[in-house]
Amino acid sequence: MSEPMPAMTRPSVTDPSAAGPSVTDLSVTDPSVAGPSVAGPSAGELAQRAAALDAADELGKLRERFTLPEGVVYLDGNSLGALPVGVAAATADVVGRQWGELLIRSWDESGWWTAPGRVGDKIAPLIGAAPGQVTVGDSTSVNLFKALVGAARLADPSRTRLLVDASTFPTDGYIAASAARMTGLTVEPVDPSRAAAAMGADTAVVLLNHVDYRTGRLHDLPALTRAARAAGAVTLWDLCHSAGALPVGVDENAVDLAVGCTYKYLNGGPGSPAYLYIAERHQAAFDSPLPGWNGHADPFAMTAEYVPAAGAARARVGTPDILSMLALESALDAWDGVAIESVRAKSLALTDFFLECVAAYVPAGTVEPVTPEEHARRGSQVSLRTANAREVMTELVARGVIGDFRAPDVLRFGFTPLYVGFADVERAARTLGHIFG
């Protein structure tokens, strides 16, 4: 999960130029585009490389599946994904025909009732899950609460500790504390790099983020899940910053439970419903703390006694949020024919190239990368630490390069391979260089 970018004020900068022309408009002999004088490739060389990389990019054509404003480099898809082209028409149909004409008949005739599982099955391949294990609905926070309490109820009742990623997104920590009060567990913050050593015979549940929202650090899901399984603990992964950006492999790695949002790399739209993964082996025993009528085995019997539905559907609570649910279903069409492995390969190439361009354009010592350099430890974002980060990001946005700011000093850039190209990357770094030049 991640919060909106705070309001910012524009800084005083040395270069009064606006966002600048696109790469295709640049003259490679024009020194005004070179940025600060540093050793390494020139602006023209980097622009030419970007053009060559874009020409060879097998995913480049996927940008046509999205609606993006002209002249804008969008590097904030790790907060809100771009609009897929089919969503507006699909949503209009849901409102105008399915709701406006069919009315309540659409629960059956338009498939509204089955949407949580149907959309879950469209998300499942993107996180490496077989069908029938993902249900969509509610927010990430609500799903996290359900999953945490459910995990505690799956765990050995003699165990007392709930390990929580110490650098987690704040809401995860808040909900973990509440779930701990409800279940009698004790929360213990832990650095994911030391989490395996912290797991023991008294560890009930382990809650970790696959990718750190602030730094872009990728944690070792396979190894940490193995360690938790060896310790007898139940694993719960927050996939908000990895699903749709890199392979997750929840089934392959025997993850127990996972949650994630759909409005980042999955491009579901603002406030689109989140998802909950319940491994098939745990579904019969999963005991949700929010037993709603929608998760009942016979919802329309309206009985006083709650009997949970079979499968992941038992995690459903209230009436599905159909408008945003079906917008998400349409948005997921952008993934048709796309292999997540190809997305990961491009993500690493984009972030590598961005770091190279930053090194070439930005004066040495001005910014400090806080995202790990190693591919095995990097998500699909690059975070740079710098003074006056809030003001710098405001100026970048004013020049048509949209990233975001995280207090107190982090510039954060998310790279969504379905619609971000190498020319975007070069322009973003060059614009950053102009601001510091």
Protein backbone atom coordinates (compact mmCIF):
# COMPACT_ATOMS: atom_id res chain seq x y z
CA MET A 1 0.00 0.00 0.00
CA SER A 2 1.10 3.57 -0.36
CA GLU A 3 -0.20 6.97 0.49
CA PRO A 4 -0.76 9.83 -1.99
CA MET A 5 2.12 12.22 -2.60
CA PRO A 6 1.94 15.15 -0.16
CA ALA A 7 1.36 18.68 -1.42
CA MET A 8 4.62 20.40 -2.30
CA THR A 9 6.00 23.80 -3.17
CA ARG A 10 8.23 24.57 -6.14
CA PRO A 11 11.93 25.11 -5.45
CA SER A 12 14.33 27.63 -6.83
CA VAL A 13 16.29 25.92 -9.63
CA THR A 14 19.22 26.93 -11.72
CA ASP A 15 17.79 25.78 -15.03
CA PRO A 16 14.62 27.65 -16.01
CA SER A 17 13.81 25.35 -18.93
CA ALA A 18 10.57 23.42 -18.99
CA ALA A 19 10.30 19.70 -19.41
CA GLY A 20 12.24 19.84 -22.65
CA PRO A 21 11.61 18.14 -25.99
CA SER A 22 11.15 14.45 -26.41
CA VAL A 23 14.15 12.31 -27.25
CA THR A 24 13.23 12.26 -30.91
CA ASP A 25 13.42 16.08 -31.00
CA LEU A 26 16.92 16.28 -29.55
CA SER A 27 19.93 17.19 -31.62
CA VAL A 28 22.79 15.10 -30.30
CA THR A 29 25.19 17.96 -31.00
CA ASP A 30 23.22 20.48 -28.95
CA PRO A 31 25.18 21.02 -25.71
CA SER A 32 22.14 22.49 -23.96
CA VAL A 33 20.69 19.04 -23.44
CA ALA A 34 23.81 17.48 -22.00
CA GLY A 35 23.18 18.50 -18.37
CA PRO A 36 26.09 18.74 -15.95
CA SER A 37 29.54 17.96 -17.23
CA VAL A 38 30.52 14.50 -16.02
CA ALA A 39 32.58 11.60 -17.29
CA GLY A 40 30.65 8.91 -19.11
CA PRO A 41 28.19 8.76 -21.98
CA SER A 42 26.79 12.00 -23.37
CA ALA A 43 23.14 12.94 -23.55
CA GLY A 44 23.14 12.21 -27.26
CA GLU A 45 24.63 8.76 -26.75
CA LEU A 46 22.13 7.91 -24.03
CA ALA A 47 19.24 9.20 -26.12
CA GLN A 48 20.37 7.08 -29.07
CA ARG A 49 20.68 4.02 -26.84
CA ALA A 50 17.21 4.65 -25.46
CA ALA A 51 15.78 4.80 -28.97
CA ALA A 52 17.54 1.54 -29.90
CA LEU A 53 16.32 -0.19 -26.75
CA ASP A 54 12.76 0.95 -27.39
CA ALA A 55 12.93 -0.29 -30.98
CA ALA A 56 13.99 -3.74 -29.77
CA ASP A 57 11.55 -3.89 -26.86
CA GLU A 58 9.04 -6.71 -27.34
CA LEU A 59 6.74 -5.13 -24.75
CA GLY A 60 6.89 -1.65 -26.26
CA LYS A 61 3.71 -2.13 -28.27
CA LEU A 62 1.77 -2.68 -25.04
CA ARG A 63 1.85 1.06 -24.37
CA GLU A 64 -1.01 1.25 -26.88
CA ARG A 65 -3.17 -0.58 -24.35
CA PHE A 66 -3.08 2.46 -22.03
CA THR A 67 -4.35 6.02 -22.07
CA LEU A 68 -1.48 8.34 -21.18
CA PRO A 69 -1.27 12.12 -21.59
CA GLU A 70 1.06 13.41 -24.29
CA GLY A 71 4.37 14.82 -23.15
CA VAL A 72 4.29 13.19 -19.71
CA VAL A 73 6.73 10.63 -18.35
CA TYR A 74 4.76 8.63 -15.80
CA LEU A 75 6.94 6.95 -13.19
CA ASP A 76 4.37 6.66 -10.41
CA GLY A 77 2.66 3.44 -11.40
CA ASN A 78 3.77 2.01 -8.05
CA SER A 79 1.19 4.38 -6.50
CA LEU A 80 -1.50 4.48 -9.20
CA GLY A 81 -1.32 2.63 -12.50
CA ALA A 82 -2.25 4.23 -15.81
CA LEU A 83 -5.71 3.85 -17.36
CA PRO A 84 -6.09 0.84 -19.69
CA VAL A 85 -7.92 1.82 -22.87
CA GLY A 86 -10.90 -0.52 -22.47
CA VAL A 87 -11.89 0.52 -18.96
CA ALA A 88 -13.92 3.62 -19.84
CA ALA A 89 -16.18 1.74 -22.26
CA ALA A 90 -16.51 -1.26 -19.95
CA THR A 91 -17.48 0.96 -17.04
CA ALA A 92 -19.97 2.84 -19.18
CA ASP A 93 -21.58 -0.49 -20.07
CA VAL A 94 -21.77 -1.53 -16.42
CA VAL A 95 -23.45 1.75 -15.50
CA GLY A 96 -25.64 2.32 -18.56
CA ARG A 97 -26.76 -1.16 -19.56
CA GLN A 98 -26.06 -3.59 -16.74
CA TRP A 99 -27.25 -1.29 -13.96
CA GLY A 100 -29.42 1.14 -15.93
CA GLU A 101 -31.34 -1.39 -18.04
CA LEU A 102 -30.97 -4.83 -16.50
CA LEU A 103 -31.13 -3.56 -12.94
CA ILE A 104 -31.06 -6.33 -10.36
CA ARG A 105 -31.09 -8.99 -13.10
CA SER A 106 -27.40 -8.23 -13.62
CA TRP A 107 -26.46 -10.18 -10.50
CA ASP A 108 -27.19 -13.25 -12.58
CA GLU A 109 -27.33 -12.17 -16.21
CA SER A 110 -24.18 -9.98 -16.12
CA GLY A 111 -22.25 -12.20 -13.73
CA TRP A 112 -22.01 -9.73 -10.88
CA TRP A 113 -22.32 -12.41 -8.24
CA THR A 114 -19.40 -14.47 -9.50
CA ALA A 115 -17.10 -11.48 -10.11
CA PRO A 116 -14.95 -11.81 -6.94
CA GLY A 117 -13.79 -15.29 -7.90
CA ARG A 118 -13.71 -14.65 -11.65
CA VAL A 119 -11.52 -11.56 -11.27
CA GLY A 120 -9.44 -13.41 -8.70
CA ASP A 121 -8.71 -16.08 -11.28
CA LYS A 122 -7.47 -13.36 -13.67
CA ILE A 123 -5.05 -12.12 -10.99
CA ALA A 124 -3.94 -15.61 -9.97
CA PRO A 125 -1.45 -16.21 -12.84
CA LEU A 126 0.23 -12.88 -12.12
CA ILE A 127 1.15 -14.06 -8.63
CA GLY A 128 1.77 -17.67 -9.59
CA ALA A 129 -1.43 -19.16 -8.19
CA ALA A 130 -3.69 -21.85 -9.58
CA PRO A 131 -7.38 -20.96 -10.00
CA GLY A 132 -9.72 -20.98 -7.03
CA GLN A 133 -7.33 -19.48 -4.49
CA VAL A 134 -7.79 -15.73 -4.96
CA THR A 135 -10.88 -13.73 -4.08
CA VAL A 136 -11.26 -10.04 -4.86
CA GLY A 137 -13.06 -7.50 -2.71
CA ASP A 138 -12.61 -5.04 0.16
CA SER A 139 -9.44 -2.98 0.63
CA THR A 140 -5.93 -4.28 1.22
CA SER A 141 -6.24 -3.21 4.85
CA VAL A 142 -9.44 -5.20 5.39
CA ASN A 143 -7.98 -8.25 3.65
CA LEU A 144 -4.83 -7.95 5.73
CA PHE A 145 -6.90 -7.99 8.91
CA LYS A 146 -8.85 -11.03 7.75
CA ALA A 147 -5.63 -12.78 6.76
CA LEU A 148 -3.75 -11.97 9.97
CA VAL A 149 -6.49 -13.19 12.27
CA GLY A 150 -7.10 -16.17 9.98
CA ALA A 151 -3.38 -16.97 10.06
CA ALA A 152 -3.32 -16.79 13.86
CA ARG A 153 -6.25 -19.22 13.98
CA LEU A 154 -4.41 -21.58 11.61
CA ALA A 155 -1.27 -21.50 13.74
CA ASP A 156 -0.39 -23.72 16.67
CA PRO A 157 -2.29 -22.16 19.60
CA SER A 158 0.73 -22.56 21.88
CA ARG A 159 2.71 -20.09 19.80
CA THR A 160 2.77 -16.45 20.88
CA ARG A 161 4.82 -14.30 18.47
CA LEU A 162 3.77 -12.37 15.36
CA LEU A 163 6.83 -11.27 13.40
CA VAL A 164 6.19 -8.11 11.37
CA ASP A 165 8.42 -6.38 8.82
CA ALA A 166 9.91 -3.47 10.80
CA SER A 167 9.94 -1.21 7.73
CA THR A 168 6.42 -2.13 6.63
CA PHE A 169 3.89 0.33 5.28
CA PRO A 170 2.38 1.88 8.42
CA THR A 171 -1.12 0.45 7.96
CA ASP A 172 0.27 -3.09 7.99
CA GLY A 173 1.79 -2.34 11.39
CA TYR A 174 -1.40 -0.78 12.74
CA ILE A 175 -3.51 -3.75 11.67
CA ALA A 176 -0.94 -6.25 12.95
CA ALA A 177 -1.12 -4.61 16.37
CA SER A 178 -4.91 -4.77 16.35
CA ALA A 179 -4.95 -8.40 15.20
CA ALA A 180 -2.43 -9.24 17.91
CA ARG A 181 -4.66 -7.74 20.59
CA MET A 182 -7.55 -9.80 19.26
CA THR A 183 -5.65 -13.10 19.08
CA GLY A 184 -3.33 -12.80 22.07
CA LEU A 185 -0.15 -12.69 20.01
CA THR A 186 2.79 -10.39 20.67
CA VAL A 187 4.04 -8.27 17.78
CA GLU A 188 7.79 -8.33 17.19
CA PRO A 189 9.20 -5.99 14.50
CA VAL A 190 12.01 -7.57 12.50
CA ASP A 191 14.26 -6.59 9.61
CA PRO A 192 13.38 -9.02 6.79
CA SER A 193 17.08 -9.71 6.23
CA ARG A 194 17.19 -11.11 9.78
CA ALA A 195 13.71 -12.58 9.89
CA ALA A 196 14.78 -16.18 9.30
CA ALA A 197 17.07 -16.10 12.33
CA ALA A 198 14.26 -14.61 14.44
CA MET A 199 11.82 -17.43 13.68
CA GLY A 200 11.50 -20.01 16.41
CA ALA A 201 9.26 -22.53 18.12
CA ASP A 202 7.11 -19.73 19.55
CA THR A 203 6.55 -17.96 16.19
CA ALA A 204 2.93 -18.22 15.09
CA VAL A 205 2.71 -15.89 12.08
CA VAL A 206 5.21 -14.05 9.88
CA LEU A 207 4.00 -10.93 8.01
CA LEU A 208 6.43 -9.52 5.45
CA ASN A 209 6.36 -7.21 2.43
CA HIS A 210 7.71 -8.66 -0.78
CA VAL A 211 9.03 -5.24 -1.82
CA ASP A 212 9.72 -2.35 0.56
CA TYR A 213 7.45 0.53 -0.46
CA ARG A 214 9.99 3.24 0.38
CA THR A 215 13.29 1.82 -0.89
CA GLY A 216 12.23 -0.71 -3.53
CA ARG A 217 14.20 -3.42 -1.74
CA LEU A 218 13.07 -6.91 -2.83
CA HIS A 219 12.97 -9.46 -0.05
CA ASP A 220 13.70 -13.16 -0.56
CA LEU A 221 10.21 -14.64 -0.56
CA PRO A 222 11.27 -18.22 -1.38
CA ALA A 223 13.96 -18.41 1.32
CA LEU A 224 11.92 -16.64 3.99
CA THR A 225 8.86 -18.78 3.29
CA ARG A 226 11.01 -21.92 3.56
CA ALA A 227 12.40 -20.69 6.87
CA ALA A 228 8.92 -19.99 8.24
CA ARG A 229 7.69 -23.38 7.13
CA ALA A 230 10.67 -25.06 8.82
CA ALA A 231 9.88 -23.15 12.00
CA GLY A 232 6.22 -24.19 11.82
CA ALA A 233 4.92 -20.64 11.34
CA VAL A 234 2.19 -19.41 8.98
CA THR A 235 3.36 -16.97 6.30
CA LEU A 236 1.48 -13.90 5.12
CA TRP A 237 2.97 -11.79 2.33
CA ASP A 238 1.98 -8.26 1.30
CA LEU A 239 2.38 -8.20 -2.50
CA CYS A 240 1.29 -4.61 -3.13
CA HIS A 241 4.61 -3.58 -4.68
CA SER A 242 5.45 -6.81 -6.51
CA ALA A 243 2.32 -8.23 -8.13
CA GLY A 244 2.36 -7.22 -11.78
CA ALA A 245 6.02 -6.18 -11.64
CA LEU A 246 7.85 -9.46 -11.08
CA PRO A 247 7.21 -13.18 -10.60
CA VAL A 248 5.91 -14.05 -7.12
CA GLY A 249 5.28 -17.80 -7.26
CA VAL A 250 2.94 -18.19 -4.29
CA ASP A 251 2.08 -21.79 -5.15
CA GLU A 252 5.59 -22.80 -6.14
CA ASN A 253 6.99 -21.41 -2.89
CA ALA A 254 4.22 -22.79 -0.66
CA VAL A 255 3.09 -19.39 0.60
CA ASP A 256 0.20 -19.78 3.03
CA LEU A 257 -1.62 -16.44 2.63
CA ALA A 258 -1.07 -13.24 0.68
CA VAL A 259 -2.78 -9.91 0.13
CA GLY A 260 -2.32 -7.13 -2.37
CA CYS A 261 -3.85 -4.07 -3.96
CA THR A 262 -4.82 -3.80 -7.62
CA TYR A 263 -4.38 -0.09 -8.34
CA LYS A 264 -0.59 -0.09 -8.72
CA TYR A 265 1.08 -2.39 -11.26
CA LEU A 266 -2.26 -4.09 -12.00
CA ASN A 267 -3.75 -0.74 -13.13
CA GLY A 268 -7.18 -1.34 -11.62
CA GLY A 269 -7.90 2.32 -10.88
CA PRO A 270 -8.08 4.45 -7.74
CA GLY A 271 -9.57 2.52 -4.86
CA SER A 272 -10.00 -0.65 -6.91
CA PRO A 273 -10.71 -3.71 -4.75
CA ALA A 274 -7.86 -5.69 -3.29
CA TYR A 275 -7.37 -9.45 -3.25
CA LEU A 276 -6.72 -12.22 -0.77
CA TYR A 277 -4.87 -15.44 -1.62
CA ILE A 278 -5.62 -18.49 0.50
CA ALA A 279 -3.60 -21.56 -0.40
CA GLU A 280 -5.93 -24.45 -1.23
CA ARG A 281 -4.53 -26.57 1.60
CA HIS A 282 -5.72 -23.99 4.16
CA GLN A 283 -9.11 -23.10 2.74
CA ALA A 284 -11.19 -25.60 4.70
CA ALA A 285 -9.68 -24.41 8.00
CA PHE A 286 -9.50 -20.67 7.24
CA ASP A 287 -11.64 -18.90 9.85
CA SER A 288 -12.30 -15.29 8.86
CA PRO A 289 -12.87 -12.77 11.65
CA LEU A 290 -15.38 -11.01 9.38
CA PRO A 291 -17.99 -13.66 8.53
CA GLY A 292 -20.38 -11.87 6.21
CA TRP A 293 -23.42 -13.06 4.31
CA ASN A 294 -21.49 -13.04 1.04
CA GLY A 295 -19.09 -15.64 2.41
CA HIS A 296 -21.87 -17.92 3.61
CA ALA A 297 -22.28 -21.35 2.08
CA ASP A 298 -25.92 -20.48 1.30
CA PRO A 299 -26.10 -16.68 1.29
CA PHE A 300 -29.77 -16.40 0.43
CA ALA A 301 -30.96 -18.86 3.07
CA MET A 302 -30.56 -16.00 5.56
CA THR A 303 -29.99 -18.40 8.45
CA ALA A 304 -28.91 -17.23 11.89
CA GLU A 305 -25.99 -19.65 11.96
CA TYR A 306 -22.92 -18.86 9.87
CA VAL A 307 -21.65 -21.68 7.69
CA PRO A 308 -18.63 -20.66 5.61
CA ALA A 309 -18.59 -21.18 1.87
CA ALA A 310 -16.18 -23.66 0.35
CA GLY A 311 -12.86 -22.42 -0.96
CA ALA A 312 -11.52 -18.88 -1.00
CA ALA A 313 -15.07 -17.53 -1.27
CA ARG A 314 -15.37 -17.90 2.51
CA ALA A 315 -13.24 -14.76 2.80
CA ARG A 316 -15.96 -12.68 1.11
CA VAL A 317 -17.81 -10.37 3.49
CA GLY A 318 -20.43 -7.98 2.11
CA THR A 319 -21.91 -7.10 -1.25
CA PRO A 320 -19.14 -6.82 -3.88
CA ASP A 321 -18.21 -3.31 -5.06
CA ILE A 322 -19.36 -4.00 -8.60
CA LEU A 323 -18.48 -0.72 -10.35
CA SER A 324 -14.82 -0.83 -9.35
CA MET A 325 -14.69 -4.63 -9.52
CA LEU A 326 -15.72 -4.72 -13.17
CA ALA A 327 -13.47 -1.77 -14.03
CA LEU A 328 -10.63 -3.88 -12.61
CA GLU A 329 -11.74 -6.89 -14.64
CA SER A 330 -11.50 -4.83 -17.81
CA ALA A 331 -8.15 -3.37 -16.75
CA LEU A 332 -6.69 -6.85 -16.37
CA ASP A 333 -7.26 -7.42 -20.10
CA ALA A 334 -4.11 -5.35 -20.60
CA TRP A 335 -2.22 -8.46 -19.44
CA ASP A 336 -3.52 -10.69 -22.21
CA GLY A 337 -0.63 -12.63 -23.70
CA VAL A 338 1.96 -11.03 -21.40
CA ALA A 339 4.47 -13.21 -19.55
CA ILE A 340 5.42 -11.90 -16.12
CA GLU A 341 8.98 -13.10 -16.75
CA SER A 342 9.25 -10.71 -19.71
CA VAL A 343 7.92 -7.91 -17.53
CA ARG A 344 10.58 -8.62 -14.93
CA ALA A 345 13.36 -8.63 -17.54
CA LYS A 346 12.26 -5.25 -18.86
CA SER A 347 11.84 -3.86 -15.36
CA LEU A 348 15.44 -4.66 -14.52
CA ALA A 349 16.64 -3.21 -17.84
CA LEU A 350 14.67 0.01 -17.23
CA THR A 351 15.94 0.47 -13.70
CA ASP A 352 19.52 -0.33 -14.73
CA PHE A 353 19.31 2.26 -17.50
CA PHE A 354 17.76 4.85 -15.21
CA LEU A 355 20.58 4.45 -12.68
CA GLU A 356 23.13 4.78 -15.49
CA CYS A 357 21.45 7.93 -16.79
CA VAL A 358 21.24 9.43 -13.32
CA ALA A 359 24.95 8.80 -12.84
CA ALA A 360 25.66 10.54 -16.16
CA TYR A 361 23.34 13.55 -15.76
CA VAL A 362 23.18 14.33 -12.06
CA PRO A 363 26.20 15.92 -10.32
CA ALA A 364 28.09 13.45 -8.17
CA GLY A 365 27.08 13.47 -4.53
CA THR A 366 23.74 15.16 -5.19
CA VAL A 367 21.59 12.04 -4.94
CA GLU A 368 22.17 8.70 -3.26
CA PRO A 369 20.43 5.56 -4.55
CA VAL A 370 18.83 3.66 -1.70
CA THR A 371 17.41 0.88 -3.88
CA PRO A 372 19.74 -2.14 -3.94
CA GLU A 373 21.92 -2.43 -7.01
CA GLU A 374 21.70 -6.21 -7.12
CA HIS A 375 18.90 -7.50 -9.31
CA ALA A 376 17.95 -10.16 -6.77
CA ARG A 377 17.22 -7.45 -4.20
CA ARG A 378 15.53 -4.85 -6.41
CA GLY A 379 11.82 -4.44 -7.08
CA SER A 380 10.51 -2.33 -9.97
CA GLN A 381 11.33 1.08 -8.53
CA VAL A 382 14.34 3.26 -7.85
CA SER A 383 14.48 5.48 -4.79
CA LEU A 384 16.99 8.32 -4.54
CA ARG A 385 17.82 10.17 -1.33
CA THR A 386 18.51 13.88 -1.66
CA ALA A 387 18.16 17.16 0.17
CA ASN A 388 14.98 19.12 -0.56
CA ALA A 389 13.38 16.00 -2.02
CA ARG A 390 9.88 17.41 -1.73
CA GLU A 391 10.78 20.52 -3.73
CA VAL A 392 12.76 18.54 -6.30
CA MET A 393 9.82 16.24 -6.97
CA THR A 394 7.49 19.22 -7.31
CA GLU A 395 9.79 20.64 -9.97
CA LEU A 396 10.04 17.29 -11.78
CA VAL A 397 6.25 17.06 -11.90
CA ALA A 398 6.07 20.64 -13.20
CA ARG A 399 8.39 19.59 -16.03
CA GLY A 400 6.29 16.58 -16.98
CA VAL A 401 8.12 13.83 -15.10
CA ILE A 402 5.81 12.31 -12.50
CA GLY A 403 7.29 10.32 -9.64
CA ASP A 404 6.58 10.78 -5.96
CA PHE A 405 8.13 11.87 -2.67
CA ARG A 406 8.44 10.00 0.60
CA ALA A 407 9.35 11.82 3.77
CA PRO A 408 11.81 12.96 4.70
CA ASP A 409 14.21 12.85 1.75
CA VAL A 410 13.30 10.19 -0.84
CA LEU A 411 12.47 10.62 -4.52
CA ARG A 412 10.63 7.50 -5.63
CA PHE A 413 10.29 6.35 -9.25
CA GLY A 414 8.18 3.35 -10.23
CA PHE A 415 8.74 1.58 -13.55
CA THR A 416 5.72 -0.18 -15.06
CA PRO A 417 7.11 -2.13 -18.03
CA LEU A 418 3.76 -2.35 -19.82
CA TYR A 419 3.83 1.37 -20.64
CA VAL A 420 7.20 2.86 -19.61
CA GLY A 421 9.90 2.99 -22.27
CA PHE A 422 13.62 3.67 -22.29
CA ALA A 423 13.19 7.15 -23.78
CA ASP A 424 10.97 7.93 -20.77
CA VAL A 425 13.77 6.80 -18.49
CA GLU A 426 16.41 8.90 -20.25
CA ARG A 427 14.24 12.01 -20.21
CA ALA A 428 13.43 11.59 -16.50
CA ALA A 429 17.09 11.36 -15.54
CA ARG A 430 18.04 14.23 -17.85
CA THR A 431 15.34 16.44 -16.35
CA LEU A 432 16.57 15.58 -12.87
CA GLY A 433 20.06 16.55 -13.99
CA HIS A 434 18.82 19.93 -15.23
CA ILE A 435 17.18 20.65 -11.89
CA PHE A 436 20.45 20.00 -10.05
CA GLY A 437 22.66 21.50 -12.78
